[in-house]
Amino acid sequence: MRATRRPTGPAGHWRRALGKALAVAVGFLLLAAGVAAQRSLGGSVDLWGSVGLEVDHRRLDDVSSQTAATLAAHLEGHLARGPWQVALTAEPRLPLAGAGTPVEPFSLGLIEGYLAFRAPLGDLQLGRILLPLETARLTQPYTITPRDEHGRRPGVDGARADLYLADDRLQLALVQRGDGWAPVAGWRRAFSGWELTAHGVLEAGRLVAGLGGSGLVGSVVVYGEGWVVPGEARPRAAVGATGYAGDLLWTGEVARAPFLPDQPPEPLAALQLAYAPTLGLSISLDGAATLEETPQTQWGLTATYELVPGTSDVEVSLGRLSLARGATWLVRTALRYYL
C-alpha cells in the first residue's frame, strides 16, 4: 500500500489548519441544524460561547519586546437525542497583527469533539475526549492533556468508557499518544466527604501508575496525588489545600512536578488567591516557584470587570516568568462578548 505524505511547510500547515477549521464549522452547522429540527425530533440543542479581542505585550529582560492582537473565541455545542449526544468545544485563535514578531497562523484549539452514548450504568465516548487524571489544582505532576502555549487544554483522540457501580466509577480508555496508542484505566471511589482515585497508563509497554485523593477537613479541602513513572528514580507528587478566609479564596500546593510542561519534575510551590471586592469585579493572583538555590518563578495578577453582566467583560493582567535563560514580562488586555 502506498503511503500518502502529509503536506509540510507553511502551505501544509495552513491546509491542515483550514481542514480542522472546516471540520469544526461543519460540526457546528450540524448542531445548528439540530435547533431547527428540535421540535420534531424531541431532542435538545445547546449552543453557547464567547468571542473577544486580546492585545498582548511581551518584553524579554528589556532587550526585545513584542505586541500582538488576536481574535480569540470559546465555542461549545451539544446535541442530545435520547441516549445519544454529540459535543463540540473549540477555542480558535486568529492573530490579527504582530509588532516585533511574525504573525502566527490560525489556531483551531479543538478541545473536544465526540459522539457519546449514555446508559444508566455507564457512558461511552468516541472522538476527541477530555481525560484529566490529576487531583492537584495548581500543578500537574503527570498528565496526558497538558496545556498548550496559549493556556488551552485540548483533549486526546480515542475512546472512553465509564461504568458506574454504586459509589465507584470504573474508567477504561484507549487514546492516541505520539505515534501509538495507550490504554488507560481508572477507578474512583466516593465516601463520607472523601474521594479516592487510581489511574494506570500503559505507554510504550511501561506502566505509569498514580493514586490521588481529596476531602474535607473542617471547612478546608485537602488533596494530594502521587505518580510512579518508569525511568524516574523518585515519584512525582503534589499536596495542597483550598479554603476561604472571609471572602478570599486561597489555594496552596507543594509538589514534585514539572515547572513547565517541557521540563523534568522538580520540587516547587504554588499559590493562588481570588477575591471579589465588589459586584462585577474579580481579582486573582497566581504564583509558583521552584524550591532550588536559583529558583524559577512565575506570577500573574488579573482583574476582570463585567461591563454588562452576563454579556461582556474586560480583563487586564500583568505577569512575569523568570527562567535561567531570562525573564519575560506579559501585559494583556482582553475584551470579551458572551454569545
Protein backbone atom coordinates (compact mmCIF):
# COMPACT_ATOMS: atom_id res chain seq x y z
CA MET A 1 0.00 0.00 0.00
CA ARG A 2 1.35 3.38 -0.94
CA ALA A 3 1.52 5.90 1.92
CA THR A 4 0.27 9.42 1.33
CA ARG A 5 2.57 12.06 2.74
CA ARG A 6 1.12 14.94 4.68
CA PRO A 7 1.99 18.38 3.24
CA THR A 8 4.81 20.11 5.09
CA GLY A 9 5.99 23.71 5.40
CA PRO A 10 3.81 26.84 5.75
CA ALA A 11 1.44 25.77 2.98
CA GLY A 12 0.90 22.35 4.57
CA HIS A 13 0.38 23.96 7.99
CA TRP A 14 -2.28 26.26 6.62
CA ARG A 15 -4.01 23.39 4.81
CA ARG A 16 -4.19 21.31 7.97
CA ALA A 17 -5.44 24.31 9.98
CA LEU A 18 -8.05 25.07 7.30
CA GLY A 19 -9.14 21.43 7.25
CA LYS A 20 -9.64 21.40 11.02
CA ALA A 21 -11.48 24.72 10.89
CA LEU A 22 -13.82 23.41 8.20
CA ALA A 23 -14.45 20.23 10.22
CA VAL A 24 -15.43 22.24 13.28
CA ALA A 25 -17.53 24.64 11.17
CA VAL A 26 -19.41 21.70 9.66
CA GLY A 27 -19.89 20.25 13.12
CA PHE A 28 -21.39 23.47 14.47
CA LEU A 29 -23.57 23.79 11.37
CA LEU A 30 -24.91 20.31 12.04
CA LEU A 31 -25.59 21.29 15.63
CA ALA A 32 -27.31 24.46 14.46
CA ALA A 33 -29.41 22.41 12.05
CA GLY A 34 -30.50 20.38 15.04
CA VAL A 35 -32.05 23.51 16.53
CA ALA A 36 -34.48 23.69 13.59
CA ALA A 37 -35.32 20.01 13.98
CA GLN A 38 -35.58 20.11 17.76
CA ARG A 39 -39.37 20.16 17.94
CA SER A 40 -39.89 17.33 15.52
CA LEU A 41 -37.07 15.21 16.95
CA GLY A 42 -37.88 15.86 20.57
CA GLY A 43 -34.18 16.30 21.42
CA SER A 44 -32.29 19.23 22.87
CA VAL A 45 -29.66 21.55 21.41
CA ASP A 46 -27.42 23.97 23.29
CA LEU A 47 -25.02 26.44 21.68
CA TRP A 48 -23.01 28.99 23.63
CA GLY A 49 -19.61 30.61 23.87
CA SER A 50 -17.69 33.87 23.76
CA VAL A 51 -15.59 35.90 21.35
CA GLY A 52 -13.05 38.55 22.25
CA LEU A 53 -10.12 40.70 21.25
CA GLU A 54 -6.80 40.19 23.07
CA VAL A 55 -3.79 42.51 22.94
CA ASP A 56 -0.56 41.07 24.38
CA HIS A 57 2.69 42.90 25.03
CA ARG A 58 5.78 40.83 25.94
CA ARG A 59 9.17 42.13 27.00
CA LEU A 60 12.24 39.97 27.47
CA ASP A 61 14.66 41.47 30.03
CA ASP A 62 14.32 44.94 28.48
CA VAL A 63 16.11 43.56 25.40
CA SER A 64 13.24 42.95 22.99
CA SER A 65 9.50 43.46 23.01
CA GLN A 66 6.59 42.02 21.08
CA THR A 67 3.00 43.21 20.73
CA ALA A 68 0.24 41.15 19.11
CA ALA A 69 -3.52 41.40 18.67
CA THR A 70 -5.64 38.26 18.42
CA LEU A 71 -9.28 37.36 17.98
CA ALA A 72 -10.00 34.53 20.43
CA ALA A 73 -13.21 32.58 20.94
CA HIS A 74 -14.63 29.80 23.07
CA LEU A 75 -17.42 27.86 21.34
CA GLU A 76 -19.46 24.96 22.69
CA GLY A 77 -22.29 22.94 21.21
CA HIS A 78 -24.24 19.93 22.49
CA LEU A 79 -26.92 17.99 20.64
CA ALA A 80 -28.79 15.30 22.58
CA ARG A 81 -31.36 12.83 21.28
CA GLY A 82 -32.37 10.09 23.67
CA PRO A 83 -29.21 8.31 24.90
CA TRP A 84 -27.10 9.81 22.09
CA GLN A 85 -25.13 13.04 22.33
CA VAL A 86 -22.79 14.99 20.05
CA ALA A 87 -20.46 17.53 21.71
CA LEU A 88 -18.03 20.04 20.23
CA THR A 89 -15.79 22.50 22.06
CA ALA A 90 -13.22 24.68 20.32
CA GLU A 91 -11.09 27.69 21.28
CA PRO A 92 -9.93 29.15 17.94
CA ARG A 93 -7.38 31.96 17.76
CA LEU A 94 -6.91 34.24 14.75
CA PRO A 95 -3.89 36.59 15.06
CA LEU A 96 -4.57 40.00 13.50
CA ALA A 97 -1.22 41.77 13.76
CA GLY A 98 2.13 41.48 15.44
CA ALA A 99 4.87 44.04 16.11
CA GLY A 100 8.35 42.63 16.57
CA THR A 101 7.27 39.04 15.86
CA PRO A 102 5.84 37.16 12.87
CA VAL A 103 2.08 36.70 12.92
CA GLU A 104 1.17 33.13 13.83
CA PRO A 105 -1.23 31.16 11.62
CA PHE A 106 -4.80 30.42 12.58
CA SER A 107 -5.02 28.04 15.55
CA LEU A 108 -8.13 25.92 15.99
CA GLY A 109 -7.82 24.69 19.58
CA LEU A 110 -10.15 21.70 19.33
CA ILE A 111 -10.78 20.83 22.97
CA GLU A 112 -13.34 18.08 22.46
CA GLY A 113 -15.49 16.67 19.67
CA TYR A 114 -17.13 13.33 20.34
CA LEU A 115 -20.13 11.09 19.89
CA ALA A 116 -21.48 9.72 23.17
CA PHE A 117 -23.93 7.02 24.18
CA ARG A 118 -25.29 7.37 27.72
CA ALA A 119 -26.83 4.44 29.58
CA PRO A 120 -27.98 4.09 33.21
CA LEU A 121 -24.88 2.09 34.19
CA GLY A 122 -22.27 3.79 32.01
CA ASP A 123 -21.23 6.15 29.22
CA LEU A 124 -19.27 5.66 26.01
CA GLN A 125 -17.44 8.46 24.15
CA LEU A 126 -15.66 8.30 20.81
CA GLY A 127 -13.60 11.10 19.21
CA ARG A 128 -11.66 13.97 20.81
CA ILE A 129 -12.28 13.43 24.52
CA LEU A 130 -11.31 15.05 27.81
CA LEU A 131 -9.40 12.73 30.11
CA PRO A 132 -7.99 14.55 33.17
CA LEU A 133 -6.08 12.24 35.50
CA GLU A 134 -4.76 14.67 38.10
CA THR A 135 -6.09 15.63 41.53
CA ALA A 136 -3.89 18.70 42.10
CA ARG A 137 -5.29 22.10 41.12
CA LEU A 138 -2.26 24.31 40.55
CA THR A 139 0.39 21.83 39.37
CA GLN A 140 0.46 18.81 37.07
CA PRO A 141 2.79 16.07 38.30
CA TYR A 142 1.62 13.86 35.43
CA THR A 143 -0.96 14.45 32.70
CA ILE A 144 -1.82 13.27 29.21
CA THR A 145 -3.60 16.55 28.40
CA PRO A 146 -1.07 19.37 29.05
CA ARG A 147 -1.87 22.98 28.31
CA ASP A 148 -0.55 24.48 25.09
CA GLU A 149 1.35 27.75 24.70
CA HIS A 150 -1.94 29.71 24.79
CA GLY A 151 -3.18 28.13 28.02
CA ARG A 152 -5.72 25.90 26.26
CA ARG A 153 -6.08 22.27 27.28
CA PRO A 154 -7.00 20.12 24.27
CA GLY A 155 -8.29 16.61 24.82
CA VAL A 156 -6.93 13.40 23.34
CA ASP A 157 -8.18 11.33 20.40
CA GLY A 158 -9.61 7.94 21.24
CA ALA A 159 -12.44 6.16 23.04
CA ARG A 160 -13.54 6.30 26.68
CA ALA A 161 -15.99 4.16 28.67
CA ASP A 162 -17.21 4.97 32.20
CA LEU A 163 -19.03 2.33 34.25
CA TYR A 164 -20.91 3.42 37.39
CA LEU A 165 -21.18 0.92 40.26
CA ALA A 166 -22.86 2.39 43.38
CA ASP A 167 -20.14 4.63 44.90
CA ASP A 168 -17.49 3.51 42.42
CA ARG A 169 -16.68 4.56 38.87
CA LEU A 170 -14.55 2.40 36.59
CA GLN A 171 -12.99 4.17 33.61
CA LEU A 172 -11.37 2.50 30.59
CA ALA A 173 -9.93 4.35 27.61
CA LEU A 174 -7.72 3.91 24.56
CA VAL A 175 -6.06 7.15 23.49
CA GLN A 176 -3.51 8.29 20.96
CA ARG A 177 -0.10 9.13 22.44
CA GLY A 178 2.51 10.28 19.96
CA ASP A 179 2.69 7.78 17.11
CA GLY A 180 0.96 4.99 19.04
CA TRP A 181 -1.97 4.15 21.28
CA ALA A 182 -2.06 3.87 25.06
CA PRO A 183 -4.67 2.08 27.21
CA VAL A 184 -5.80 3.98 30.31
CA ALA A 185 -7.62 2.53 33.33
CA GLY A 186 -9.05 4.49 36.24
CA TRP A 187 -11.06 3.90 39.40
CA ARG A 188 -12.84 6.45 41.58
CA ARG A 189 -14.43 5.86 44.98
CA ALA A 190 -16.52 8.40 46.91
CA PHE A 191 -17.35 8.06 50.60
CA SER A 192 -18.25 10.35 53.53
CA GLY A 193 -16.90 13.63 52.11
CA TRP A 194 -13.80 11.99 50.65
CA GLU A 195 -12.83 10.69 47.24
CA LEU A 196 -10.04 8.36 46.11
CA THR A 197 -8.77 7.82 42.57
CA ALA A 198 -6.31 5.44 40.96
CA HIS A 199 -5.03 5.51 37.38
CA GLY A 200 -2.77 3.46 35.17
CA VAL A 201 -1.44 4.41 31.73
CA LEU A 202 0.45 1.89 29.59
CA GLU A 203 2.88 3.86 27.41
CA ALA A 204 5.40 2.10 25.17
CA GLY A 205 4.95 -1.08 27.18
CA ARG A 206 5.66 0.63 30.53
CA LEU A 207 3.07 1.31 33.23
CA VAL A 208 2.64 4.80 34.68
CA ALA A 209 0.63 4.49 37.92
CA GLY A 210 -0.98 7.19 40.06
CA LEU A 211 -3.05 7.48 43.24
CA GLY A 212 -4.93 10.57 44.40
CA GLY A 213 -7.45 11.70 46.98
CA SER A 214 -9.34 14.72 48.30
CA GLY A 215 -11.70 15.50 51.16
CA LEU A 216 -12.92 17.94 53.78
CA VAL A 217 -11.06 18.73 56.99
CA GLY A 218 -13.37 21.14 58.75
CA SER A 219 -14.06 23.84 56.15
CA VAL A 220 -10.83 23.23 54.22
CA VAL A 221 -10.50 20.90 51.24
CA VAL A 222 -7.23 18.95 51.32
CA TYR A 223 -5.97 16.87 48.40
CA GLY A 224 -2.94 15.08 47.07
CA GLU A 225 -1.65 12.69 44.44
CA GLY A 226 1.42 10.59 43.66
CA TRP A 227 2.76 9.06 40.43
CA VAL A 228 5.36 6.43 39.64
CA VAL A 229 6.85 6.98 36.19
CA PRO A 230 9.21 4.36 34.70
CA GLY A 231 12.76 5.62 34.30
CA GLU A 232 12.49 8.15 37.14
CA ALA A 233 14.19 7.35 40.44
CA ARG A 234 11.76 9.41 42.55
CA PRO A 235 7.94 9.58 42.38
CA ARG A 236 6.07 12.68 41.29
CA ALA A 237 3.63 14.09 43.84
CA ALA A 238 1.54 17.08 44.95
CA VAL A 239 -0.17 18.02 48.22
CA GLY A 240 -2.45 21.02 48.60
CA ALA A 241 -5.37 22.67 50.36
CA THR A 242 -8.01 25.25 49.49
CA GLY A 243 -10.45 27.25 51.59
CA TYR A 244 -11.89 30.67 52.43
CA ALA A 245 -10.51 33.41 54.65
CA GLY A 246 -13.54 35.66 54.80
CA ASP A 247 -14.34 36.43 51.15
CA LEU A 248 -10.85 35.49 50.00
CA LEU A 249 -10.48 32.09 48.31
CA TRP A 250 -6.98 30.66 48.72
CA THR A 251 -5.26 27.56 47.35
CA GLY A 252 -1.72 26.41 48.12
CA GLU A 253 0.36 23.45 46.95
CA VAL A 254 3.79 21.90 47.27
CA ALA A 255 4.78 19.37 44.65
CA ARG A 256 7.43 17.49 42.78
CA ALA A 257 6.28 18.24 39.26
CA PRO A 258 7.38 19.92 36.02
CA PHE A 259 7.54 23.70 36.44
CA LEU A 260 6.76 23.99 32.72
CA PRO A 261 5.30 21.16 30.59
CA ASP A 262 8.59 20.54 28.76
CA GLN A 263 10.74 20.38 31.92
CA PRO A 264 11.61 17.42 34.19
CA PRO A 265 9.89 17.24 37.61
CA GLU A 266 11.42 19.17 40.49
CA PRO A 267 10.32 20.47 43.94
CA LEU A 268 8.12 23.55 43.69
CA ALA A 269 5.43 25.53 45.49
CA ALA A 270 2.35 27.27 44.09
CA LEU A 271 -0.25 29.70 45.46
CA GLN A 272 -3.50 31.18 44.15
CA LEU A 273 -5.66 33.91 45.70
CA ALA A 274 -9.06 35.03 44.37
CA TYR A 275 -11.16 37.91 45.66
CA ALA A 276 -14.29 39.76 44.52
CA PRO A 277 -14.26 43.16 46.27
CA THR A 278 -17.49 44.33 44.65
CA LEU A 279 -20.22 43.09 42.35
CA GLY A 280 -18.88 42.55 38.83
CA LEU A 281 -15.19 42.85 39.77
CA SER A 282 -12.88 39.91 40.49
CA ILE A 283 -9.15 39.88 41.20
CA SER A 284 -6.83 36.87 41.20
CA LEU A 285 -3.16 36.38 41.99
CA ASP A 286 -1.24 33.27 40.89
CA GLY A 287 2.34 32.39 41.70
CA ALA A 288 4.73 29.43 41.54
CA ALA A 289 8.43 28.89 42.26
CA THR A 290 10.87 26.03 42.17
CA LEU A 291 12.49 25.21 45.53
CA GLU A 292 16.12 25.45 44.48
CA GLU A 293 19.10 27.74 45.08
CA THR A 294 18.32 29.80 41.99
CA PRO A 295 14.56 29.39 41.65
CA GLN A 296 12.48 29.66 38.53
CA THR A 297 9.41 31.77 39.24
CA GLN A 298 6.20 32.90 37.61
CA TRP A 299 3.37 35.05 38.85
CA GLY A 300 0.34 36.79 37.43
CA LEU A 301 -2.16 39.40 38.63
CA THR A 302 -5.52 39.52 36.80
CA ALA A 303 -8.51 41.82 37.20
CA THR A 304 -11.83 41.16 35.43
CA TYR A 305 -14.75 43.60 35.34
CA GLU A 306 -18.22 42.91 33.94
CA LEU A 307 -19.25 45.70 31.59
CA VAL A 308 -22.71 44.19 31.10
CA PRO A 309 -23.43 41.29 33.50
CA GLY A 310 -23.61 38.02 31.60
CA THR A 311 -22.93 39.76 28.27
CA SER A 312 -19.46 41.33 28.20
CA ASP A 313 -16.39 41.92 30.35
CA VAL A 314 -12.90 43.38 30.19
CA GLU A 315 -9.78 41.72 31.60
CA VAL A 316 -6.37 43.20 32.39
CA SER A 317 -3.44 41.10 33.56
CA LEU A 318 0.24 41.53 34.38
CA GLY A 319 2.61 38.61 34.71
CA ARG A 320 6.29 37.63 34.85
CA LEU A 321 8.06 34.38 34.02
CA SER A 322 11.66 34.09 35.23
CA LEU A 323 13.81 31.22 33.91
CA ALA A 324 17.53 30.52 33.76
CA ARG A 325 17.67 31.92 30.22
CA GLY A 326 15.96 35.18 31.18
CA ALA A 327 12.74 36.79 32.36
CA THR A 328 9.65 37.73 30.36
CA TRP A 329 7.01 40.30 31.29
CA LEU A 330 3.49 39.95 29.88
CA VAL A 331 0.75 42.59 29.84
CA ARG A 332 -2.60 41.53 28.41
CA THR A 333 -5.89 43.32 27.80
CA ALA A 334 -8.92 41.37 26.64
CA LEU A 335 -12.46 42.45 25.76
CA ARG A 336 -14.97 39.56 25.57
CA TYR A 337 -18.58 39.24 24.45
CA TYR A 338 -20.62 36.23 25.53
CA LEU A 339 -22.90 34.63 22.96
